[in-house]
Amino acid sequence: MDCNSIPENTGRDQAGKFIKGQSGNPTGKPKGALHKATRAALALMEGQLEELTQVVINAALAGDMTATKIVFDKLIPQAKEAPIEPGAVTLPELSGASVPDAVAAIVHAVAEGSLPPGQGQQIVAMLDGYRKATELAEIEARLTALEQSAGGA
């Protein structure tokens, strides 16, 4: 091997500079690898995590709002909305023209409490995607018809 040659797997050019778009450290830090400060802190707390957790819970019960936030943010898993109950919302047969009626039905169901707001928002987002896809298909069909009539004239 020549003294001036650069190994092929370094991601560098002959001048020794990194090739544009090539990472200087393609493997990087492995996923899940802990920083040495984190490892040291965990080693210091080993065997005391249950006691520390109980101290935070007791502080929250005593009215410490910071401890309460920690309990709700870190110790209790995020609540997920329940699946939509069948019949909670009755939607019209979907077409491009019926999307406003479907959105109105969802808003009504959310307002009367038979559908959680988060789920209503998700359904409206899906209906918007449906509307966009329907509009695109209609535009393509009209454009094809125009091109055929212009080409055939």
Protein backbone atom coordinates (compact mmCIF):
# COMPACT_ATOMS: atom_id res chain seq x y z
CA MET A 1 0.00 0.00 0.00
CA ASP A 2 1.35 3.42 -0.99
CA CYS A 3 1.96 5.99 1.78
CA ASN A 4 -0.09 8.61 -0.09
CA SER A 5 -3.02 6.37 -0.96
CA ILE A 6 -6.27 6.67 0.96
CA PRO A 7 -8.18 3.46 1.83
CA GLU A 8 -11.38 3.17 -0.18
CA ASN A 9 -13.73 2.85 2.79
CA THR A 10 -12.81 6.16 4.49
CA GLY A 11 -15.14 8.36 2.43
CA ARG A 12 -12.27 10.68 1.55
CA ASP A 13 -10.92 11.78 -1.82
CA GLN A 14 -7.25 11.68 -2.85
CA ALA A 15 -6.62 15.06 -1.19
CA GLY A 16 -7.88 13.59 2.09
CA LYS A 17 -11.04 15.68 2.17
CA PHE A 18 -14.42 14.13 2.81
CA ILE A 19 -16.44 13.43 -0.31
CA LYS A 20 -19.49 15.71 -0.55
CA GLY A 21 -22.58 13.94 0.81
CA GLN A 22 -20.47 11.22 2.47
CA SER A 23 -20.55 10.98 6.25
CA GLY A 24 -17.22 11.03 8.03
CA ASN A 25 -18.63 8.50 10.49
CA PRO A 26 -21.12 6.35 8.60
CA THR A 27 -21.70 3.89 11.43
CA GLY A 28 -22.15 6.61 14.05
CA LYS A 29 -23.25 5.92 17.60
CA PRO A 30 -25.21 2.66 17.84
CA LYS A 31 -28.93 3.03 18.55
CA GLY A 32 -29.71 2.60 22.20
CA ALA A 33 -26.13 3.29 23.32
CA LEU A 34 -26.13 5.43 26.46
CA HIS A 35 -23.86 8.43 27.00
CA LYS A 36 -21.22 7.78 29.67
CA ALA A 37 -22.76 10.43 31.96
CA THR A 38 -26.13 8.65 31.72
CA ARG A 39 -24.49 5.30 32.47
CA ALA A 40 -22.73 6.84 35.49
CA ALA A 41 -25.97 8.36 36.82
CA LEU A 42 -27.81 5.04 36.42
CA ALA A 43 -24.99 3.25 38.24
CA LEU A 44 -25.25 5.69 41.16
CA MET A 45 -29.02 5.22 41.41
CA GLU A 46 -28.94 1.44 41.03
CA GLY A 47 -31.20 -0.15 43.61
CA GLN A 48 -32.74 3.19 44.60
CA LEU A 49 -35.03 3.85 41.64
CA GLU A 50 -38.11 2.51 43.42
CA GLU A 51 -37.43 4.73 46.43
CA LEU A 52 -36.87 7.78 44.20
CA THR A 53 -40.07 7.10 42.31
CA GLN A 54 -41.98 6.85 45.59
CA VAL A 55 -40.46 10.17 46.77
CA VAL A 56 -41.68 11.89 43.57
CA ILE A 57 -45.15 10.36 43.96
CA ASN A 58 -45.32 11.45 47.63
CA ALA A 59 -44.28 14.99 46.66
CA ALA A 60 -47.00 15.07 44.01
CA LEU A 61 -49.57 13.89 46.55
CA ALA A 62 -48.39 16.65 48.91
CA GLY A 63 -49.19 19.26 46.25
CA ASP A 64 -45.83 19.78 44.53
CA MET A 65 -46.89 20.73 40.99
CA THR A 66 -43.49 19.95 39.47
CA ALA A 67 -43.63 16.45 40.92
CA THR A 68 -47.21 16.12 39.66
CA LYS A 69 -46.07 17.06 36.15
CA ILE A 70 -43.28 14.47 36.34
CA VAL A 71 -45.75 11.79 37.45
CA PHE A 72 -48.20 12.56 34.64
CA ASP A 73 -45.56 13.11 31.93
CA LYS A 74 -43.12 10.32 32.75
CA LEU A 75 -44.70 7.71 34.98
CA ILE A 76 -48.19 7.40 33.52
CA PRO A 77 -48.37 6.28 29.89
CA GLN A 78 -50.17 8.59 27.49
CA ALA A 79 -53.85 7.76 27.27
CA LYS A 80 -55.06 6.66 23.86
CA GLU A 81 -58.56 7.22 22.65
CA ALA A 82 -60.82 4.22 22.49
CA PRO A 83 -61.81 2.82 19.09
CA ILE A 84 -64.81 4.46 17.46
CA GLU A 85 -68.04 2.80 18.53
CA PRO A 86 -70.00 1.42 15.57
CA GLY A 87 -72.90 3.74 14.83
CA ALA A 88 -71.35 6.73 16.62
CA VAL A 89 -71.41 8.60 13.32
CA THR A 90 -73.60 7.96 10.31
CA LEU A 91 -71.87 9.20 7.17
CA PRO A 92 -73.50 9.63 3.77
CA GLU A 93 -72.37 7.53 0.80
CA LEU A 94 -69.04 9.12 -0.05
CA SER A 95 -68.52 11.08 -3.23
CA GLY A 96 -66.74 14.34 -3.94
CA ALA A 97 -69.99 16.25 -3.45
CA SER A 98 -70.95 14.49 -0.19
CA VAL A 99 -67.75 15.31 1.73
CA PRO A 100 -69.19 18.55 3.23
CA ASP A 101 -72.21 16.59 4.50
CA ALA A 102 -69.91 13.96 6.02
CA VAL A 103 -67.84 16.65 7.77
CA ALA A 104 -71.05 18.22 9.09
CA ALA A 105 -72.13 14.82 10.48
CA ILE A 106 -68.77 14.44 12.25
CA VAL A 107 -68.93 17.94 13.73
CA HIS A 108 -72.46 17.18 14.98
CA ALA A 109 -71.32 13.87 16.54
CA VAL A 110 -68.41 15.61 18.30
CA ALA A 111 -70.72 18.38 19.53
CA GLU A 112 -73.24 15.93 21.01
CA GLY A 113 -70.46 13.88 22.65
CA SER A 114 -70.88 10.60 20.76
CA LEU A 115 -67.44 11.00 19.10
CA PRO A 116 -64.23 12.18 20.82
CA PRO A 117 -62.78 15.36 19.27
CA GLY A 118 -59.44 13.72 18.41
CA GLN A 119 -61.16 10.95 16.46
CA GLY A 120 -63.40 13.48 14.74
CA GLN A 121 -60.34 15.41 13.66
CA GLN A 122 -58.72 12.24 12.30
CA ILE A 123 -61.82 11.30 10.31
CA VAL A 124 -62.08 14.83 8.88
CA ALA A 125 -58.41 14.59 7.82
CA MET A 126 -59.15 11.29 6.05
CA LEU A 127 -62.18 12.83 4.35
CA ASP A 128 -59.99 15.71 3.18
CA GLY A 129 -57.57 13.21 1.65
CA TYR A 130 -60.50 11.45 -0.02
CA ARG A 131 -61.79 14.78 -1.36
CA LYS A 132 -58.36 15.67 -2.80
CA ALA A 133 -58.00 12.26 -4.45
CA THR A 134 -61.51 12.52 -5.92
CA GLU A 135 -60.86 16.03 -7.23
CA LEU A 136 -57.59 14.90 -8.81
CA ALA A 137 -59.29 11.97 -10.54
CA GLU A 138 -62.04 14.28 -11.85
CA ILE A 139 -59.49 16.82 -13.13
CA GLU A 140 -57.51 14.09 -14.88
CA ALA A 141 -60.68 12.75 -16.53
CA ARG A 142 -61.68 16.23 -17.70
CA LEU A 143 -58.16 16.93 -18.99
CA THR A 144 -58.10 13.65 -20.90
CA ALA A 145 -61.50 14.46 -22.44
CA LEU A 146 -60.29 17.94 -23.44
CA GLU A 147 -57.10 16.55 -24.97
CA GLN A 148 -59.06 13.96 -26.94
CA SER A 149 -61.57 16.53 -28.21
CA ALA A 150 -58.77 18.94 -29.18
CA GLY A 151 -56.81 16.18 -30.90
CA GLY A 152 -59.84 14.86 -32.75
CA ALA A 153 -61.02 18.26 -34.02
